[in-house]
PDB file of N, CA and C in Angstrom:
ATOM      1  N   MET A   1     151.454  44.298  41.486  1.00  0.00           N
ATOM      2  CA  MET A   1     151.276  45.666  41.121  1.00  0.00           C
ATOM      3  C   MET A   1     149.581  45.834  41.333  1.00  0.00           C
ATOM      4  N   ALA A   2     149.019  45.087  40.418  1.00  0.00           N
ATOM      5  CA  ALA A   2     147.557  45.432  40.051  1.00  0.00           C
ATOM      6  C   ALA A   2     146.884  45.139  41.559  1.00  0.00           C
ATOM      7  N   GLU A   3     147.156  44.373  41.943  1.00  0.00           N
ATOM      8  CA  GLU A   3     146.536  43.594  43.306  1.00  0.00           C
ATOM      9  C   GLU A   3     146.729  44.863  44.295  1.00  0.00           C
ATOM     10  N   ALA A   4     147.515  45.597  44.466  1.00  0.00           N
ATOM     11  CA  ALA A   4     147.785  46.620  45.547  1.00  0.00           C
ATOM     12  C   ALA A   4     147.196  47.699  44.979  1.00  0.00           C
ATOM     13  N   GLU A   5     146.976  48.126  43.483  1.00  0.00           N
ATOM     14  CA  GLU A   5     146.085  49.325  43.263  1.00  0.00           C
ATOM     15  C   GLU A   5     144.420  48.917  43.431  1.00  0.00           C
ATOM     16  N   TYR A   6     144.685  47.688  42.866  1.00  0.00           N
ATOM     17  CA  TYR A   6     143.186  47.254  43.801  1.00  0.00           C
ATOM     18  C   TYR A   6     142.461  47.524  44.765  1.00  0.00           C
ATOM     19  N   SER A   7     143.356  47.095  45.830  1.00  0.00           N
ATOM     20  CA  SER A   7     142.979  47.128  47.231  1.00  0.00           C
ATOM     21  C   SER A   7     142.831  48.895  47.399  1.00  0.00           C
ATOM     22  N   ARG A   8     143.812  49.336  47.241  1.00  0.00           N
ATOM     23  CA  ARG A   8     144.019  50.863  47.202  1.00  0.00           C
ATOM     24  C   ARG A   8     142.491  51.603  46.541  1.00  0.00           C
ATOM     25  N   VAL A   9     141.992  50.819  45.354  1.00  0.00           N
ATOM     26  CA  VAL A   9     140.785  51.917  45.058  1.00  0.00           C
ATOM     27  C   VAL A   9     139.699  51.283  46.097  1.00  0.00           C
ATOM     28  N   LEU A  10     139.370  50.056  46.565  1.00  0.00           N
ATOM     29  CA  LEU A  10     138.398  49.520  47.372  1.00  0.00           C
ATOM     30  C   LEU A  10     138.655  49.912  48.831  1.00  0.00           C
ATOM     31  N   ALA A  11     139.804  50.377  49.186  1.00  0.00           N
ATOM     32  CA  ALA A  11     140.196  51.069  50.549  1.00  0.00           C
ATOM     33  C   ALA A  11     139.678  52.670  50.278  1.00  0.00           C
ATOM     34  N   SER A  12     139.565  53.232  49.436  1.00  0.00           N
ATOM     35  CA  SER A  12     139.363  54.490  49.341  1.00  0.00           C
ATOM     36  C   SER A  12     138.122  55.085  49.810  1.00  0.00           C
ATOM     37  N   PRO A  13     137.716  56.113  50.686  1.00  0.00           N
ATOM     38  CA  PRO A  13     136.510  56.554  51.172  1.00  0.00           C
ATOM     39  C   PRO A  13     135.724  56.905  49.801  1.00  0.00           C
ATOM     40  N   LYS A  14     136.293  57.582  48.666  1.00  0.00           N
ATOM     41  CA  LYS A  14     135.508  58.036  47.681  1.00  0.00           C
ATOM     42  C   LYS A  14     134.899  56.939  46.969  1.00  0.00           C
ATOM     43  N   PHE A  15     135.799  55.773  46.974  1.00  0.00           N
ATOM     44  CA  PHE A  15     135.024  54.868  45.987  1.00  0.00           C
ATOM     45  C   PHE A  15     133.852  54.217  47.020  1.00  0.00           C
ATOM     46  N   GLN A  16     134.173  54.243  48.141  1.00  0.00           N
ATOM     47  CA  GLN A  16     132.808  53.581  49.092  1.00  0.00           C
ATOM     48  C   GLN A  16     131.807  54.750  48.743  1.00  0.00           C
ATOM     49  N   GLN A  17     131.986  55.757  48.940  1.00  0.00           N
ATOM     50  CA  GLN A  17     130.708  56.705  48.781  1.00  0.00           C
ATOM     51  C   GLN A  17     130.098  56.674  47.084  1.00  0.00           C
ATOM     52  N   LEU A  18     130.717  56.475  46.297  1.00  0.00           N
ATOM     53  CA  LEU A  18     130.172  56.000  45.085  1.00  0.00           C
ATOM     54  C   LEU A  18     129.333  55.077  44.821  1.00  0.00           C
ATOM     55  N   VAL A  19     130.158  53.930  45.394  1.00  0.00           N
ATOM     56  CA  VAL A  19     129.378  52.706  45.187  1.00  0.00           C
ATOM     57  C   VAL A  19     128.069  52.639  46.259  1.00  0.00           C
ATOM     58  N   THR A  20     128.315  53.274  47.333  1.00  0.00           N
ATOM     59  CA  THR A  20     127.045  53.470  48.229  1.00  0.00           C
ATOM     60  C   THR A  20     125.734  54.292  47.613  1.00  0.00           C
ATOM     61  N   GLU A  21     126.493  55.432  47.090  1.00  0.00           N
ATOM     62  CA  GLU A  21     125.011  56.323  46.549  1.00  0.00           C
ATOM     63  C   GLU A  21     124.446  55.772  45.194  1.00  0.00           C
ATOM     64  N   ARG A  22     125.315  55.091  44.244  1.00  0.00           N
ATOM     65  CA  ARG A  22     125.121  54.703  43.243  1.00  0.00           C
ATOM     66  C   ARG A  22     123.839  53.430  43.437  1.00  0.00           C
ATOM     67  N   THR A  23     124.324  52.696  44.316  1.00  0.00           N
ATOM     68  CA  THR A  23     123.795  51.611  44.789  1.00  0.00           C
ATOM     69  C   THR A  23     122.127  52.068  45.385  1.00  0.00           C
ATOM     70  N   ARG A  24     122.215  52.406  46.441  1.00  0.00           N
ATOM     71  CA  ARG A  24     120.992  53.458  46.796  1.00  0.00           C
ATOM     72  C   ARG A  24     120.203  53.983  45.902  1.00  0.00           C
ATOM     73  N   PHE A  25     120.868  54.534  45.497  1.00  0.00           N
ATOM     74  CA  PHE A  25     120.103  55.184  44.180  1.00  0.00           C
ATOM     75  C   PHE A  25     119.283  54.259  43.069  1.00  0.00           C
ATOM     76  N   GLY A  26     119.844  53.326  42.762  1.00  0.00           N
ATOM     77  CA  GLY A  26     119.751  52.497  41.808  1.00  0.00           C
ATOM     78  C   GLY A  26     118.528  51.718  42.513  1.00  0.00           C
ATOM     79  N   TRP A  27     118.648  51.168  44.021  1.00  0.00           N
ATOM     80  CA  TRP A  27     117.397  50.670  44.500  1.00  0.00           C
ATOM     81  C   TRP A  27     116.219  51.530  44.725  1.00  0.00           C
ATOM     82  N   VAL A  28     115.967  52.807  44.861  1.00  0.00           N
ATOM     83  CA  VAL A  28     114.975  54.036  44.885  1.00  0.00           C
ATOM     84  C   VAL A  28     114.399  53.905  43.895  1.00  0.00           C
ATOM     85  N   LEU A  29     114.973  53.887  42.618  1.00  0.00           N
ATOM     86  CA  LEU A  29     114.160  53.913  41.306  1.00  0.00           C
ATOM     87  C   LEU A  29     113.669  52.949  41.162  1.00  0.00           C
ATOM     88  N   SER A  30     114.441  51.670  41.323  1.00  0.00           N
ATOM     89  CA  SER A  30     113.840  50.282  40.964  1.00  0.00           C
ATOM     90  C   SER A  30     112.445  49.721  41.818  1.00  0.00           C
ATOM     91  N   GLY A  31     112.728  50.389  42.803  1.00  0.00           N
ATOM     92  CA  GLY A  31     111.502  50.560  43.822  1.00  0.00           C
ATOM     93  C   GLY A  31     110.238  51.269  43.454  1.00  0.00           C
ATOM     94  N   ALA A  32     110.996  52.428  43.182  1.00  0.00           N
ATOM     95  CA  ALA A  32     109.713  53.053  42.330  1.00  0.00           C
ATOM     96  C   ALA A  32     108.920  52.725  41.261  1.00  0.00           C
ATOM     97  N   MET A  33     109.662  52.176  40.247  1.00  0.00           N
ATOM     98  CA  MET A  33     109.356  51.514  38.664  1.00  0.00           C
ATOM     99  C   MET A  33     108.695  50.102  39.445  1.00  0.00           C
ATOM    100  N   LEU A  34     109.073  49.255  40.224  1.00  0.00           N
ATOM    101  CA  LEU A  34     108.443  48.322  40.743  1.00  0.00           C
ATOM    102  C   LEU A  34     106.681  48.776  41.350  1.00  0.00           C
ATOM    103  N   ALA A  35     106.878  49.985  42.347  1.00  0.00           N
ATOM    104  CA  ALA A  35     105.504  50.201  42.536  1.00  0.00           C
ATOM    105  C   ALA A  35     104.807  50.465  41.854  1.00  0.00           C
ATOM    106  N   ILE A  36     104.892  51.232  40.806  1.00  0.00           N
ATOM    107  CA  ILE A  36     104.118  52.141  39.429  1.00  0.00           C
ATOM    108  C   ILE A  36     104.013  50.854  38.950  1.00  0.00           C
ATOM    109  N   TYR A  37     104.452  49.785  38.442  1.00  0.00           N
ATOM    110  CA  TYR A  37     104.009  48.661  38.097  1.00  0.00           C
ATOM    111  C   TYR A  37     103.070  47.658  38.512  1.00  0.00           C
ATOM    112  N   LEU A  38     103.354  47.443  39.712  1.00  0.00           N
ATOM    113  CA  LEU A  38     102.357  46.832  40.889  1.00  0.00           C
ATOM    114  C   LEU A  38     101.180  47.166  40.949  1.00  0.00           C
ATOM    115  N   VAL A  39     101.178  48.474  41.027  1.00  0.00           N
ATOM    116  CA  VAL A  39      99.732  49.221  41.410  1.00  0.00           C
ATOM    117  C   VAL A  39      98.982  49.010  40.008  1.00  0.00           C
ATOM    118  N   PHE A  40      99.628  49.330  38.697  1.00  0.00           N
ATOM    119  CA  PHE A  40      98.936  49.002  37.542  1.00  0.00           C
ATOM    120  C   PHE A  40      98.393  47.562  37.433  1.00  0.00           C
ATOM    121  N   ILE A  41      99.314  46.616  37.708  1.00  0.00           N
ATOM    122  CA  ILE A  41      98.625  45.188  38.013  1.00  0.00           C
ATOM    123  C   ILE A  41      98.055  44.867  38.376  1.00  0.00           C
ATOM    124  N   LEU A  42      97.818  45.404  39.550  1.00  0.00           N
ATOM    125  CA  LEU A  42      96.478  45.450  40.643  1.00  0.00           C
ATOM    126  C   LEU A  42      95.387  45.940  40.379  1.00  0.00           C
ATOM    127  N   LEU A  43      95.481  47.077  39.578  1.00  0.00           N
ATOM    128  CA  LEU A  43      94.378  47.921  38.832  1.00  0.00           C
ATOM    129  C   LEU A  43      93.555  47.062  37.846  1.00  0.00           C
ATOM    130  N   VAL A  44      94.715  46.451  37.062  1.00  0.00           N
ATOM    131  CA  VAL A  44      94.312  45.513  36.018  1.00  0.00           C
ATOM    132  C   VAL A  44      93.203  44.263  36.499  1.00  0.00           C
ATOM    133  N   ALA A  45      94.023  43.516  37.485  1.00  0.00           N
ATOM    134  CA  ALA A  45      93.570  42.462  38.281  1.00  0.00           C
ATOM    135  C   ALA A  45      92.209  42.885  38.771  1.00  0.00           C
ATOM    136  N   PHE A  46      92.182  43.924  39.751  1.00  0.00           N
ATOM    137  CA  PHE A  46      90.790  43.897  40.547  1.00  0.00           C
ATOM    138  C   PHE A  46      90.233  45.373  40.379  1.00  0.00           C
ATOM    139  N   ALA A  47      90.095  45.932  39.462  1.00  0.00           N
ATOM    140  CA  ALA A  47      89.630  47.288  39.080  1.00  0.00           C
ATOM    141  C   ALA A  47      88.970  47.207  37.633  1.00  0.00           C
ATOM    142  N   HIS A  48      88.712  46.325  37.556  1.00  0.00           N
ATOM    143  CA  HIS A  48      87.990  46.093  35.834  1.00  0.00           C
ATOM    144  C   HIS A  48      87.163  47.306  35.395  1.00  0.00           C
ATOM    145  N   GLY A  49      86.060  47.581  36.417  1.00  0.00           N
ATOM    146  CA  GLY A  49      85.137  48.614  36.008  1.00  0.00           C
ATOM    147  C   GLY A  49      85.925  50.098  35.813  1.00  0.00           C
ATOM    148  N   LEU A  50      87.101  50.209  36.699  1.00  0.00           N
ATOM    149  CA  LEU A  50      87.751  51.398  36.683  1.00  0.00           C
ATOM    150  C   LEU A  50      88.565  51.328  35.386  1.00  0.00           C
ATOM    151  N   MET A  51      89.389  50.464  35.288  1.00  0.00           N
ATOM    152  CA  MET A  51      90.229  50.361  33.951  1.00  0.00           C
ATOM    153  C   MET A  51      89.755  50.368  32.634  1.00  0.00           C
ATOM    154  N   ALA A  52      88.048  50.057  32.601  1.00  0.00           N
ATOM    155  CA  ALA A  52      87.415  49.929  31.260  1.00  0.00           C
ATOM    156  C   ALA A  52      86.714  51.180  31.117  1.00  0.00           C
ATOM    157  N   THR A  53      87.095  52.281  32.121  1.00  0.00           N
ATOM    158  CA  THR A  53      86.294  53.541  32.055  1.00  0.00           C
ATOM    159  C   THR A  53      86.752  54.303  30.890  1.00  0.00           C
ATOM    160  N   LYS A  54      85.753  54.230  29.911  1.00  0.00           N
ATOM    161  CA  LYS A  54      86.217  55.418  28.682  1.00  0.00           C
ATOM    162  C   LYS A  54      86.795  56.665  28.873  1.00  0.00           C
ATOM    163  N   VAL A  55      87.815  57.086  28.215  1.00  0.00           N
ATOM    164  CA  VAL A  55      88.423  58.321  27.978  1.00  0.00           C
ATOM    165  C   VAL A  55      88.066  59.070  26.994  1.00  0.00           C
ATOM    166  N   GLY A  56      87.366  60.244  27.412  1.00  0.00           N
ATOM    167  CA  GLY A  56      86.837  61.026  26.018  1.00  0.00           C
ATOM    168  C   GLY A  56      85.719  60.258  25.365  1.00  0.00           C
ATOM    169  N   SER A  57      85.223  61.083  24.121  1.00  0.00           N
ATOM    170  CA  SER A  57      84.170  60.252  23.361  1.00  0.00           C
ATOM    171  C   SER A  57      84.527  58.701  22.395  1.00  0.00           C
ATOM    172  N   GLY A  58      86.142  58.631  22.425  1.00  0.00           N
ATOM    173  CA  GLY A  58      86.184  57.444  21.446  1.00  0.00           C
ATOM    174  C   GLY A  58      86.635  56.175  22.180  1.00  0.00           C
ATOM    175  N   VAL A  59      87.070  55.368  21.692  1.00  0.00           N
ATOM    176  CA  VAL A  59      87.141  53.615  22.140  1.00  0.00           C
ATOM    177  C   VAL A  59      88.281  53.630  23.363  1.00  0.00           C
ATOM    178  N   THR A  60      89.117  54.828  23.897  1.00  0.00           N
ATOM    179  CA  THR A  60      90.315  54.364  24.639  1.00  0.00           C
ATOM    180  C   THR A  60      89.793  54.367  26.162  1.00  0.00           C
ATOM    181  N   SER A  61      90.323  53.486  26.576  1.00  0.00           N
ATOM    182  CA  SER A  61      89.860  53.379  28.058  1.00  0.00           C
ATOM    183  C   SER A  61      90.938  53.692  29.078  1.00  0.00           C
ATOM    184  N   LEU A  62      90.508  54.053  30.595  1.00  0.00           N
ATOM    185  CA  LEU A  62      91.464  54.289  31.259  1.00  0.00           C
ATOM    186  C   LEU A  62      92.711  53.553  31.320  1.00  0.00           C
ATOM    187  N   GLY A  63      92.666  52.152  31.049  1.00  0.00           N
ATOM    188  CA  GLY A  63      93.638  51.108  31.013  1.00  0.00           C
ATOM    189  C   GLY A  63      94.714  51.170  30.013  1.00  0.00           C
ATOM    190  N   ILE A  64      94.279  51.733  29.059  1.00  0.00           N
ATOM    191  CA  ILE A  64      95.265  51.991  28.095  1.00  0.00           C
ATOM    192  C   ILE A  64      95.956  53.276  28.325  1.00  0.00           C
ATOM    193  N   VAL A  65      95.532  54.374  28.818  1.00  0.00           N
ATOM    194  CA  VAL A  65      95.897  55.338  29.209  1.00  0.00           C
ATOM    195  C   VAL A  65      97.099  55.293  30.296  1.00  0.00           C
ATOM    196  N   LEU A  66      96.935  54.105  31.297  1.00  0.00           N
ATOM    197  CA  LEU A  66      97.622  54.039  32.704  1.00  0.00           C
ATOM    198  C   LEU A  66      98.735  53.271  32.060  1.00  0.00           C
ATOM    199  N   GLY A  67      98.399  52.322  31.187  1.00  0.00           N
ATOM    200  CA  GLY A  67      99.436  51.524  30.375  1.00  0.00           C
ATOM    201  C   GLY A  67     100.507  52.584  29.871  1.00  0.00           C
ATOM    202  N   LEU A  68     100.105  53.653  29.140  1.00  0.00           N
ATOM    203  CA  LEU A  68     101.281  54.719  28.617  1.00  0.00           C
ATOM    204  C   LEU A  68     101.864  54.914  29.629  1.00  0.00           C
ATOM    205  N   VAL A  69     101.302  55.478  30.856  1.00  0.00           N
ATOM    206  CA  VAL A  69     101.803  56.100  31.641  1.00  0.00           C
ATOM    207  C   VAL A  69     102.914  55.388  32.364  1.00  0.00           C
ATOM    208  N   VAL A  70     102.801  54.023  32.697  1.00  0.00           N
ATOM    209  CA  VAL A  70     103.985  52.980  32.994  1.00  0.00           C
ATOM    210  C   VAL A  70     105.133  52.874  32.321  1.00  0.00           C
ATOM    211  N   ILE A  71     104.655  53.039  30.871  1.00  0.00           N
ATOM    212  CA  ILE A  71     105.674  52.864  30.100  1.00  0.00           C
ATOM    213  C   ILE A  71     106.726  54.324  29.990  1.00  0.00           C
ATOM    214  N   VAL A  72     105.930  55.733  29.964  1.00  0.00           N
ATOM    215  CA  VAL A  72     106.732  56.944  29.990  1.00  0.00           C
ATOM    216  C   VAL A  72     107.439  56.979  31.185  1.00  0.00           C
ATOM    217  N   ALA A  73     106.518  56.244  32.638  1.00  0.00           N
ATOM    218  CA  ALA A  73     107.251  56.499  33.828  1.00  0.00           C
ATOM    219  C   ALA A  73     108.930  55.560  33.899  1.00  0.00           C
ATOM    220  N   ALA A  74     108.847  54.641  33.017  1.00  0.00           N
ATOM    221  CA  ALA A  74     109.991  54.072  32.723  1.00  0.00           C
ATOM    222  C   ALA A  74     111.093  54.626  32.078  1.00  0.00           C
ATOM    223  N   PHE A  75     111.017  55.434  31.064  1.00  0.00           N
ATOM    224  CA  PHE A  75     111.946  56.307  30.082  1.00  0.00           C
ATOM    225  C   PHE A  75     111.872  57.670  31.749  1.00  0.00           C
ATOM    226  N   VAL A  76     111.278  58.099  31.916  1.00  0.00           N
ATOM    227  CA  VAL A  76     111.540  59.343  32.723  1.00  0.00           C
ATOM    228  C   VAL A  76     112.417  58.806  34.135  1.00  0.00           C
ATOM    229  N   LEU A  77     112.156  57.403  34.645  1.00  0.00           N
ATOM    230  CA  LEU A  77     112.861  57.152  35.826  1.00  0.00           C
ATOM    231  C   LEU A  77     114.642  56.785  35.224  1.00  0.00           C
ATOM    232  N   THR A  78     114.631  56.572  33.944  1.00  0.00           N
ATOM    233  CA  THR A  78     115.908  56.210  33.197  1.00  0.00           C
ATOM    234  C   THR A  78     116.517  57.527  32.982  1.00  0.00           C
ATOM    235  N   GLY A  79     115.645  58.645  32.625  1.00  0.00           N
ATOM    236  CA  GLY A  79     116.693  59.450  32.080  1.00  0.00           C
ATOM    237  C   GLY A  79     116.924  60.469  33.569  1.00  0.00           C
ATOM    238  N   ILE A  80     116.255  59.929  34.722  1.00  0.00           N
ATOM    239  CA  ILE A  80     116.718  60.652  35.953  1.00  0.00           C
ATOM    240  C   ILE A  80     118.230  59.896  36.545  1.00  0.00           C
ATOM    241  N   TYR A  81     118.175  58.621  36.333  1.00  0.00           N
ATOM    242  CA  TYR A  81     119.300  58.012  36.758  1.00  0.00           C
ATOM    243  C   TYR A  81     120.610  58.695  35.514  1.00  0.00           C
ATOM    244  N   VAL A  82     120.031  58.549  34.360  1.00  0.00           N
ATOM    245  CA  VAL A  82     121.132  59.164  33.695  1.00  0.00           C
ATOM    246  C   VAL A  82     121.710  60.696  33.845  1.00  0.00           C
ATOM    247  N   ALA A  83     120.735  61.449  34.412  1.00  0.00           N
ATOM    248  CA  ALA A  83     121.206  62.913  34.819  1.00  0.00           C
ATOM    249  C   ALA A  83     122.117  62.772  35.816  1.00  0.00           C
ATOM    250  N   ARG A  84     121.570  61.608  37.004  1.00  0.00           N
ATOM    251  CA  ARG A  84     122.490  61.433  38.156  1.00  0.00           C
ATOM    252  C   ARG A  84     123.585  61.014  37.750  1.00  0.00           C
ATOM    253  N   ALA A  85     123.760  60.100  36.713  1.00  0.00           N
ATOM    254  CA  ALA A  85     124.945  59.107  36.327  1.00  0.00           C
ATOM    255  C   ALA A  85     126.040  60.580  35.831  1.00  0.00           C
ATOM    256  N   ASN A  86     125.400  61.156  35.119  1.00  0.00           N
ATOM    257  CA  ASN A  86     126.459  62.175  34.194  1.00  0.00           C
ATOM    258  C   ASN A  86     126.949  63.397  35.003  1.00  0.00           C
ATOM    259  N   GLY A  87     126.183  63.505  36.588  1.00  0.00           N
ATOM    260  CA  GLY A  87     126.526  64.452  37.087  1.00  0.00           C
ATOM    261  C   GLY A  87     126.935  63.961  38.474  1.00  0.00           C
ATOM    262  N   ARG A  88     126.154  63.629  39.297  1.00  0.00           N
ATOM    263  CA  ARG A  88     127.070  63.160  40.876  1.00  0.00           C
ATOM    264  C   ARG A  88     127.939  62.250  40.625  1.00  0.00           C
ATOM    265  N   PHE A  89     127.735  61.275  40.005  1.00  0.00           N
ATOM    266  CA  PHE A  89     128.509  59.951  39.683  1.00  0.00           C
ATOM    267  C   PHE A  89     129.925  60.163  39.067  1.00  0.00           C
ATOM    268  N   ASP A  90     129.521  60.755  38.064  1.00  0.00           N
ATOM    269  CA  ASP A  90     130.727  61.186  37.335  1.00  0.00           C
ATOM    270  C   ASP A  90     131.813  61.992  38.190  1.00  0.00           C
ATOM    271  N   ASP A  91     131.202  63.222  38.742  1.00  0.00           N
ATOM    272  CA  ASP A  91     131.894  64.006  40.011  1.00  0.00           C
ATOM    273  C   ASP A  91     132.716  62.975  41.040  1.00  0.00           C
ATOM    274  N   LEU A  92     131.981  62.286  41.501  1.00  0.00           N
ATOM    275  CA  LEU A  92     132.308  61.105  42.586  1.00  0.00           C
ATOM    276  C   LEU A  92     133.748  60.454  41.594  1.00  0.00           C
ATOM    277  N   THR A  93     133.585  59.748  40.751  1.00  0.00           N
ATOM    278  CA  THR A  93     134.438  59.118  39.694  1.00  0.00           C
ATOM    279  C   THR A  93     135.547  60.229  39.350  1.00  0.00           C
ATOM    280  N   ARG A  94     135.587  61.368  38.967  1.00  0.00           N
ATOM    281  CA  ARG A  94     136.772  62.144  38.831  1.00  0.00           C
ATOM    282  C   ARG A  94     137.626  62.443  40.078  1.00  0.00           C
ATOM    283  N   ASP A  95     136.889  62.674  41.111  1.00  0.00           N
ATOM    284  CA  ASP A  95     137.484  62.764  42.437  1.00  0.00           C
ATOM    285  C   ASP A  95     138.382  61.359  42.769  1.00  0.00           C
ATOM    286  N   LEU A  96     137.853  60.364  42.677  1.00  0.00           N
ATOM    287  CA  LEU A  96     138.558  59.089  43.039  1.00  0.00           C
ATOM    288  C   LEU A  96     139.901  59.160  42.056  1.00  0.00           C
ATOM    289  N   ASN A  97     139.387  59.522  40.726  1.00  0.00           N
ATOM    290  CA  ASN A  97     140.571  59.230  39.946  1.00  0.00           C
ATOM    291  C   ASN A  97     142.042  60.358  40.024  1.00  0.00           C
ATOM    292  N   ARG A  98     141.285  61.315  40.910  1.00  0.00           N
ATOM    293  CA  ARG A  98     142.188  62.412  41.233  1.00  0.00           C
ATOM    294  C   ARG A  98     143.196  61.951  42.403  1.00  0.00           C
ATOM    295  N   GLU A  99     142.359  61.328  43.525  1.00  0.00           N
ATOM    296  CA  GLU A  99     142.885  61.288  44.811  1.00  0.00           C
ATOM    297  C   GLU A  99     143.854  60.015  44.254  1.00  0.00           C
ATOM    298  N   LEU A 100     143.674  59.177  43.187  1.00  0.00           N
ATOM    299  CA  LEU A 100     144.615  57.808  43.117  1.00  0.00           C
ATOM    300  C   LEU A 100     145.554  58.232  41.913  1.00  0.00           C
ATOM    301  N   GLY A 101     145.525  59.425  41.596  1.00  0.00           N
ATOM    302  CA  GLY A 101     146.764  59.850  40.980  1.00  0.00           C
ATOM    303  C   GLY A 101     146.608  59.625  39.357  1.00  0.00           C
ATOM    304  N   ARG A 102     145.307  59.412  38.786  1.00  0.00           N
ATOM    305  CA  ARG A 102     145.305  59.096  37.496  1.00  0.00           C
ATOM    306  C   ARG A 102     145.103  60.240  36.521  1.00  0.00           C
TER     307      ARG A 102
END
């Protein structure tokens, strides 16, 4: 009985749409975070003068500020994923459950 239900779920167009959208969105956000981090690392490695530039009259450098931007970007991208998961992906899951009679 469970095998038949499993096959039914896998064959469902709603399930395939959910998996496709979720996977694509996850890869897009992962790529965005990778790009942000890679740019930061490349700046650290090859733009010493730029990263050492003082911000304001204190001792904080541009490198510290950009490091904080990388951390904040990770939180923002996580928030974007959570918002999509709680909206679009939950809607698709509800539609799938209705289609399967749950």
